[in-house]
Amino acid sequence: MQNMRFKKLNKKTIVIAEAGVNHNGDISIAKKLIDAAAIAKADYVKFQTYDVDSLLLKETKTAEYQKKI
């Protein structure tokens, strides 16, 4: 077996906080999620948005938990 050498990499692990769609389209909630990620020492925060009209059929029923909103 050959002598294997490993080169030490001076690279930092990057932490990405997943906020997803938990902001509910509200910028103040999004900012709070960013603050929480910063406290947790995340390097980046990943958000998601989507257009409901392009994802759902108009006939799609509302889930019970959505009716409470």
PDB file of N, CA and C in Angstrom:
ATOM      1  N   MET A   1       0.839  -1.180   0.000  1.00  0.00           N
ATOM      2  CA  MET A   1       0.000   0.000   0.000  1.00  0.00           C
ATOM      3  C   MET A   1       0.880   1.238   0.000  1.00  0.00           C
ATOM      4  N   GLN A   2       0.535   2.181  -0.816  1.00  0.00           N
ATOM      5  CA  GLN A   2       1.325   3.403  -0.924  1.00  0.00           C
ATOM      6  C   GLN A   2       1.138   4.273   0.303  1.00  0.00           C
ATOM      7  N   ASN A   3       2.168   5.047   0.588  1.00  0.00           N
ATOM      8  CA  ASN A   3       2.088   6.007   1.676  1.00  0.00           C
ATOM      9  C   ASN A   3       1.188   7.154   1.221  1.00  0.00           C
ATOM     10  N   MET A   4       0.037   7.304   1.884  1.00  0.00           N
ATOM     11  CA  MET A   4      -0.909   8.338   1.486  1.00  0.00           C
ATOM     12  C   MET A   4      -0.678   9.578   2.343  1.00  0.00           C
ATOM     13  N   ARG A   5      -0.643  10.709   1.700  1.00  0.00           N
ATOM     14  CA  ARG A   5      -0.490  11.976   2.402  1.00  0.00           C
ATOM     15  C   ARG A   5      -1.750  12.801   2.189  1.00  0.00           C
ATOM     16  N   PHE A   6      -2.180  13.415   3.241  1.00  0.00           N
ATOM     17  CA  PHE A   6      -3.355  14.270   3.150  1.00  0.00           C
ATOM     18  C   PHE A   6      -2.924  15.705   3.332  1.00  0.00           C
ATOM     19  N   LYS A   7      -3.321  16.516   2.400  1.00  0.00           N
ATOM     20  CA  LYS A   7      -2.998  17.932   2.463  1.00  0.00           C
ATOM     21  C   LYS A   7      -3.996  18.606   3.404  1.00  0.00           C
ATOM     22  N   LYS A   8      -3.494  19.343   4.369  1.00  0.00           N
ATOM     23  CA  LYS A   8      -4.377  20.046   5.301  1.00  0.00           C
ATOM     24  C   LYS A   8      -5.033  21.213   4.575  1.00  0.00           C
ATOM     25  N   LEU A   9      -6.340  21.235   4.641  1.00  0.00           N
ATOM     26  CA  LEU A   9      -7.085  22.319   4.024  1.00  0.00           C
ATOM     27  C   LEU A   9      -7.484  23.312   5.105  1.00  0.00           C
ATOM     28  N   ASN A  10      -7.192  24.549   4.885  1.00  0.00           N
ATOM     29  CA  ASN A  10      -7.555  25.588   5.835  1.00  0.00           C
ATOM     30  C   ASN A  10      -8.889  26.203   5.426  1.00  0.00           C
ATOM     31  N   LYS A  11      -9.885  25.371   5.342  1.00  0.00           N
ATOM     32  CA  LYS A  11     -11.199  25.842   4.924  1.00  0.00           C
ATOM     33  C   LYS A  11     -12.179  25.686   6.066  1.00  0.00           C
ATOM     34  N   LYS A  12     -12.994  26.694   6.253  1.00  0.00           N
ATOM     35  CA  LYS A  12     -13.993  26.709   7.306  1.00  0.00           C
ATOM     36  C   LYS A  12     -15.265  26.024   6.807  1.00  0.00           C
ATOM     37  N   THR A  13     -15.910  25.299   7.690  1.00  0.00           N
ATOM     38  CA  THR A  13     -17.219  24.744   7.373  1.00  0.00           C
ATOM     39  C   THR A  13     -18.221  25.889   7.343  1.00  0.00           C
ATOM     40  N   ILE A  14     -19.048  25.920   6.325  1.00  0.00           N
ATOM     41  CA  ILE A  14     -20.051  26.974   6.191  1.00  0.00           C
ATOM     42  C   ILE A  14     -21.385  26.449   6.701  1.00  0.00           C
ATOM     43  N   VAL A  15     -22.024  27.229   7.557  1.00  0.00           N
ATOM     44  CA  VAL A  15     -23.317  26.855   8.123  1.00  0.00           C
ATOM     45  C   VAL A  15     -24.397  27.707   7.469  1.00  0.00           C
ATOM     46  N   ILE A  16     -25.406  27.027   6.912  1.00  0.00           N
ATOM     47  CA  ILE A  16     -26.518  27.716   6.260  1.00  0.00           C
ATOM     48  C   ILE A  16     -27.787  27.430   7.056  1.00  0.00           C
ATOM     49  N   ALA A  17     -28.396  28.481   7.588  1.00  0.00           N
ATOM     50  CA  ALA A  17     -29.665  28.334   8.317  1.00  0.00           C
ATOM     51  C   ALA A  17     -30.798  28.269   7.304  1.00  0.00           C
ATOM     52  N   GLU A  18     -31.678  27.306   7.497  1.00  0.00           N
ATOM     53  CA  GLU A  18     -32.813  27.117   6.582  1.00  0.00           C
ATOM     54  C   GLU A  18     -34.043  27.785   7.182  1.00  0.00           C
ATOM     55  N   ALA A  19     -34.390  28.948   6.659  1.00  0.00           N
ATOM     56  CA  ALA A  19     -35.592  29.648   7.115  1.00  0.00           C
ATOM     57  C   ALA A  19     -36.804  29.183   6.318  1.00  0.00           C
ATOM     58  N   GLY A  20     -36.561  28.721   5.106  1.00  0.00           N
ATOM     59  CA  GLY A  20     -37.651  28.212   4.278  1.00  0.00           C
ATOM     60  C   GLY A  20     -38.718  29.264   4.027  1.00  0.00           C
ATOM     61  N   VAL A  21     -39.962  28.872   4.195  1.00  0.00           N
ATOM     62  CA  VAL A  21     -41.081  29.797   4.002  1.00  0.00           C
ATOM     63  C   VAL A  21     -41.679  30.209   5.346  1.00  0.00           C
ATOM     64  N   ASN A  22     -40.931  29.993   6.427  1.00  0.00           N
ATOM     65  CA  ASN A  22     -41.430  30.284   7.767  1.00  0.00           C
ATOM     66  C   ASN A  22     -41.633  31.770   8.034  1.00  0.00           C
ATOM     67  N   HIS A  23     -41.276  32.612   7.098  1.00  0.00           N
ATOM     68  CA  HIS A  23     -41.497  34.055   7.239  1.00  0.00           C
ATOM     69  C   HIS A  23     -42.925  34.444   6.890  1.00  0.00           C
ATOM     70  N   ASN A  24     -43.648  33.518   6.240  1.00  0.00           N
ATOM     71  CA  ASN A  24     -45.046  33.755   5.846  1.00  0.00           C
ATOM     72  C   ASN A  24     -45.220  35.019   5.013  1.00  0.00           C
ATOM     73  N   GLY A  25     -44.190  35.418   4.300  1.00  0.00           N
ATOM     74  CA  GLY A  25     -44.265  36.618   3.462  1.00  0.00           C
ATOM     75  C   GLY A  25     -44.140  37.912   4.245  1.00  0.00           C
ATOM     76  N   ASP A  26     -43.817  37.828   5.533  1.00  0.00           N
ATOM     77  CA  ASP A  26     -43.732  39.001   6.405  1.00  0.00           C
ATOM     78  C   ASP A  26     -42.256  39.365   6.621  1.00  0.00           C
ATOM     79  N   ILE A  27     -41.862  40.552   6.184  1.00  0.00           N
ATOM     80  CA  ILE A  27     -40.453  40.961   6.268  1.00  0.00           C
ATOM     81  C   ILE A  27     -39.970  41.055   7.706  1.00  0.00           C
ATOM     82  N   SER A  28     -40.840  41.434   8.640  1.00  0.00           N
ATOM     83  CA  SER A  28     -40.401  41.535  10.036  1.00  0.00           C
ATOM     84  C   SER A  28     -40.102  40.154  10.619  1.00  0.00           C
ATOM     85  N   ILE A  29     -40.878  39.156  10.222  1.00  0.00           N
ATOM     86  CA  ILE A  29     -40.587  37.783  10.650  1.00  0.00           C
ATOM     87  C   ILE A  29     -39.284  37.315  10.016  1.00  0.00           C
ATOM     88  N   ALA A  30     -39.086  37.634   8.742  1.00  0.00           N
ATOM     89  CA  ALA A  30     -37.857  37.253   8.051  1.00  0.00           C
ATOM     90  C   ALA A  30     -36.637  37.841   8.754  1.00  0.00           C
ATOM     91  N   LYS A  31     -36.736  39.089   9.185  1.00  0.00           N
ATOM     92  CA  LYS A  31     -35.613  39.727   9.894  1.00  0.00           C
ATOM     93  C   LYS A  31     -35.348  39.052  11.233  1.00  0.00           C
ATOM     94  N   LYS A  32     -36.409  38.628  11.916  1.00  0.00           N
ATOM     95  CA  LYS A  32     -36.228  37.912  13.185  1.00  0.00           C
ATOM     96  C   LYS A  32     -35.538  36.568  12.956  1.00  0.00           C
ATOM     97  N   LEU A  33     -35.880  35.907  11.845  1.00  0.00           N
ATOM     98  CA  LEU A  33     -35.221  34.646  11.506  1.00  0.00           C
ATOM     99  C   LEU A  33     -33.738  34.861  11.210  1.00  0.00           C
ATOM    100  N   ILE A  34     -33.429  35.970  10.564  1.00  0.00           N
ATOM    101  CA  ILE A  34     -32.027  36.307  10.298  1.00  0.00           C
ATOM    102  C   ILE A  34     -31.295  36.558  11.609  1.00  0.00           C
ATOM    103  N   ASP A  35     -31.926  37.301  12.516  1.00  0.00           N
ATOM    104  CA  ASP A  35     -31.312  37.568  13.827  1.00  0.00           C
ATOM    105  C   ASP A  35     -31.057  36.264  14.580  1.00  0.00           C
ATOM    106  N   ALA A  36     -32.024  35.353  14.551  1.00  0.00           N
ATOM    107  CA  ALA A  36     -31.866  34.065  15.236  1.00  0.00           C
ATOM    108  C   ALA A  36     -30.721  33.262  14.618  1.00  0.00           C
ATOM    109  N   ALA A  37     -30.618  33.312  13.299  1.00  0.00           N
ATOM    110  CA  ALA A  37     -29.530  32.600  12.617  1.00  0.00           C
ATOM    111  C   ALA A  37     -28.180  33.205  12.985  1.00  0.00           C
ATOM    112  N   ALA A  38     -28.128  34.525  13.112  1.00  0.00           N
ATOM    113  CA  ALA A  38     -26.877  35.194  13.488  1.00  0.00           C
ATOM    114  C   ALA A  38     -26.464  34.793  14.906  1.00  0.00           C
ATOM    115  N   ILE A  39     -27.432  34.733  15.812  1.00  0.00           N
ATOM    116  CA  ILE A  39     -27.137  34.307  17.181  1.00  0.00           C
ATOM    117  C   ILE A  39     -26.596  32.873  17.196  1.00  0.00           C
ATOM    118  N   ALA A  40     -27.125  32.049  16.304  1.00  0.00           N
ATOM    119  CA  ALA A  40     -26.679  30.659  16.192  1.00  0.00           C
ATOM    120  C   ALA A  40     -25.370  30.526  15.416  1.00  0.00           C
ATOM    121  N   LYS A  41     -24.808  31.657  14.996  1.00  0.00           N
ATOM    122  CA  LYS A  41     -23.516  31.697  14.267  1.00  0.00           C
ATOM    123  C   LYS A  41     -23.591  31.132  12.857  1.00  0.00           C
ATOM    124  N   ALA A  42     -24.762  31.190  12.243  1.00  0.00           N
ATOM    125  CA  ALA A  42     -24.879  30.753  10.846  1.00  0.00           C
ATOM    126  C   ALA A  42     -24.182  31.764   9.945  1.00  0.00           C
ATOM    127  N   ASP A  43     -23.614  31.283   8.863  1.00  0.00           N
ATOM    128  CA  ASP A  43     -22.939  32.157   7.897  1.00  0.00           C
ATOM    129  C   ASP A  43     -23.917  32.752   6.899  1.00  0.00           C
ATOM    130  N   TYR A  44     -24.943  31.992   6.576  1.00  0.00           N
ATOM    131  CA  TYR A  44     -25.939  32.407   5.589  1.00  0.00           C
ATOM    132  C   TYR A  44     -27.317  31.962   6.048  1.00  0.00           C
ATOM    133  N   VAL A  45     -28.349  32.588   5.488  1.00  0.00           N
ATOM    134  CA  VAL A  45     -29.725  32.175   5.744  1.00  0.00           C
ATOM    135  C   VAL A  45     -30.384  31.941   4.384  1.00  0.00           C
ATOM    136  N   LYS A  46     -31.024  30.785   4.245  1.00  0.00           N
ATOM    137  CA  LYS A  46     -31.691  30.429   2.987  1.00  0.00           C
ATOM    138  C   LYS A  46     -33.199  30.588   3.167  1.00  0.00           C
ATOM    139  N   PHE A  47     -33.803  31.398   2.317  1.00  0.00           N
ATOM    140  CA  PHE A  47     -35.246  31.599   2.322  1.00  0.00           C
ATOM    141  C   PHE A  47     -35.852  30.985   1.073  1.00  0.00           C
ATOM    142  N   GLN A  48     -37.143  30.742   1.123  1.00  0.00           N
ATOM    143  CA  GLN A  48     -37.873  30.265  -0.040  1.00  0.00           C
ATOM    144  C   GLN A  48     -39.151  31.083  -0.187  1.00  0.00           C
ATOM    145  N   THR A  49     -39.524  31.297  -1.403  1.00  0.00           N
ATOM    146  CA  THR A  49     -40.815  31.899  -1.697  1.00  0.00           C
ATOM    147  C   THR A  49     -41.419  31.122  -2.856  1.00  0.00           C
ATOM    148  N   TYR A  50     -42.702  31.226  -2.991  1.00  0.00           N
ATOM    149  CA  TYR A  50     -43.355  30.585  -4.127  1.00  0.00           C
ATOM    150  C   TYR A  50     -44.675  31.279  -4.402  1.00  0.00           C
ATOM    151  N   ASP A  51     -45.156  31.064  -5.578  1.00  0.00           N
ATOM    152  CA  ASP A  51     -46.423  31.626  -6.013  1.00  0.00           C
ATOM    153  C   ASP A  51     -47.465  30.512  -5.958  1.00  0.00           C
ATOM    154  N   VAL A  52     -48.375  30.611  -5.005  1.00  0.00           N
ATOM    155  CA  VAL A  52     -49.380  29.566  -4.799  1.00  0.00           C
ATOM    156  C   VAL A  52     -50.170  29.297  -6.071  1.00  0.00           C
ATOM    157  N   ASP A  53     -50.505  30.338  -6.813  1.00  0.00           N
ATOM    158  CA  ASP A  53     -51.315  30.164  -8.019  1.00  0.00           C
ATOM    159  C   ASP A  53     -50.633  29.297  -9.064  1.00  0.00           C
ATOM    160  N   SER A  54     -49.299  29.268  -9.052  1.00  0.00           N
ATOM    161  CA  SER A  54     -48.597  28.446 -10.035  1.00  0.00           C
ATOM    162  C   SER A  54     -48.371  27.013  -9.536  1.00  0.00           C
ATOM    163  N   LEU A  55     -48.664  26.756  -8.247  1.00  0.00           N
ATOM    164  CA  LEU A  55     -48.427  25.424  -7.686  1.00  0.00           C
ATOM    165  C   LEU A  55     -49.696  24.627  -7.414  1.00  0.00           C
ATOM    166  N   LEU A  56     -50.793  25.316  -7.165  1.00  0.00           N
ATOM    167  CA  LEU A  56     -52.011  24.625  -6.767  1.00  0.00           C
ATOM    168  C   LEU A  56     -53.143  24.857  -7.763  1.00  0.00           C
ATOM    169  N   LEU A  57     -53.990  23.876  -7.858  1.00  0.00           N
ATOM    170  CA  LEU A  57     -55.203  24.040  -8.655  1.00  0.00           C
ATOM    171  C   LEU A  57     -56.198  24.866  -7.857  1.00  0.00           C
ATOM    172  N   LYS A  58     -57.018  25.613  -8.525  1.00  0.00           N
ATOM    173  CA  LYS A  58     -58.020  26.439  -7.839  1.00  0.00           C
ATOM    174  C   LYS A  58     -58.994  25.590  -7.034  1.00  0.00           C
ATOM    175  N   GLU A  59     -59.165  24.327  -7.412  1.00  0.00           N
ATOM    176  CA  GLU A  59     -60.093  23.435  -6.725  1.00  0.00           C
ATOM    177  C   GLU A  59     -59.482  22.774  -5.487  1.00  0.00           C
ATOM    178  N   THR A  60     -58.206  23.032  -5.206  1.00  0.00           N
ATOM    179  CA  THR A  60     -57.536  22.402  -4.072  1.00  0.00           C
ATOM    180  C   THR A  60     -58.182  22.842  -2.767  1.00  0.00           C
ATOM    181  N   LYS A  61     -58.512  21.880  -1.919  1.00  0.00           N
ATOM    182  CA  LYS A  61     -59.147  22.181  -0.644  1.00  0.00           C
ATOM    183  C   LYS A  61     -58.104  22.701   0.351  1.00  0.00           C
ATOM    184  N   THR A  62     -58.553  23.555   1.245  1.00  0.00           N
ATOM    185  CA  THR A  62     -57.693  24.089   2.299  1.00  0.00           C
ATOM    186  C   THR A  62     -57.592  23.065   3.430  1.00  0.00           C
ATOM    187  N   ALA A  63     -56.378  22.843   3.918  1.00  0.00           N
ATOM    188  CA  ALA A  63     -56.167  21.918   5.043  1.00  0.00           C
ATOM    189  C   ALA A  63     -56.746  22.543   6.308  1.00  0.00           C
ATOM    190  N   GLU A  64     -57.097  21.700   7.268  1.00  0.00           N
ATOM    191  CA  GLU A  64     -57.709  22.176   8.508  1.00  0.00           C
ATOM    192  C   GLU A  64     -56.835  23.212   9.215  1.00  0.00           C
ATOM    193  N   TYR A  65     -55.513  22.956   9.292  1.00  0.00           N
ATOM    194  CA  TYR A  65     -54.641  23.891  10.007  1.00  0.00           C
ATOM    195  C   TYR A  65     -54.569  25.244   9.303  1.00  0.00           C
ATOM    196  N   GLN A  66     -54.805  25.275   7.999  1.00  0.00           N
ATOM    197  CA  GLN A  66     -54.784  26.533   7.248  1.00  0.00           C
ATOM    198  C   GLN A  66     -56.033  27.359   7.485  1.00  0.00           C
ATOM    199  N   LYS A  67     -57.102  26.725   7.861  1.00  0.00           N
ATOM    200  CA  LYS A  67     -58.364  27.432   8.087  1.00  0.00           C
ATOM    201  C   LYS A  67     -58.319  28.295   9.344  1.00  0.00           C
ATOM    202  N   LYS A  68     -57.406  27.971  10.252  1.00  0.00           N
ATOM    203  CA  LYS A  68     -57.280  28.700  11.516  1.00  0.00           C
ATOM    204  C   LYS A  68     -56.570  30.038  11.335  1.00  0.00           C
ATOM    205  N   ILE A  69     -55.901  30.220  10.219  1.00  0.00           N
ATOM    206  CA  ILE A  69     -55.115  31.432   9.984  1.00  0.00           C
ATOM    207  C   ILE A  69     -56.007  32.578   9.569  1.00  0.00           C
TER     208      ILE A  69
END
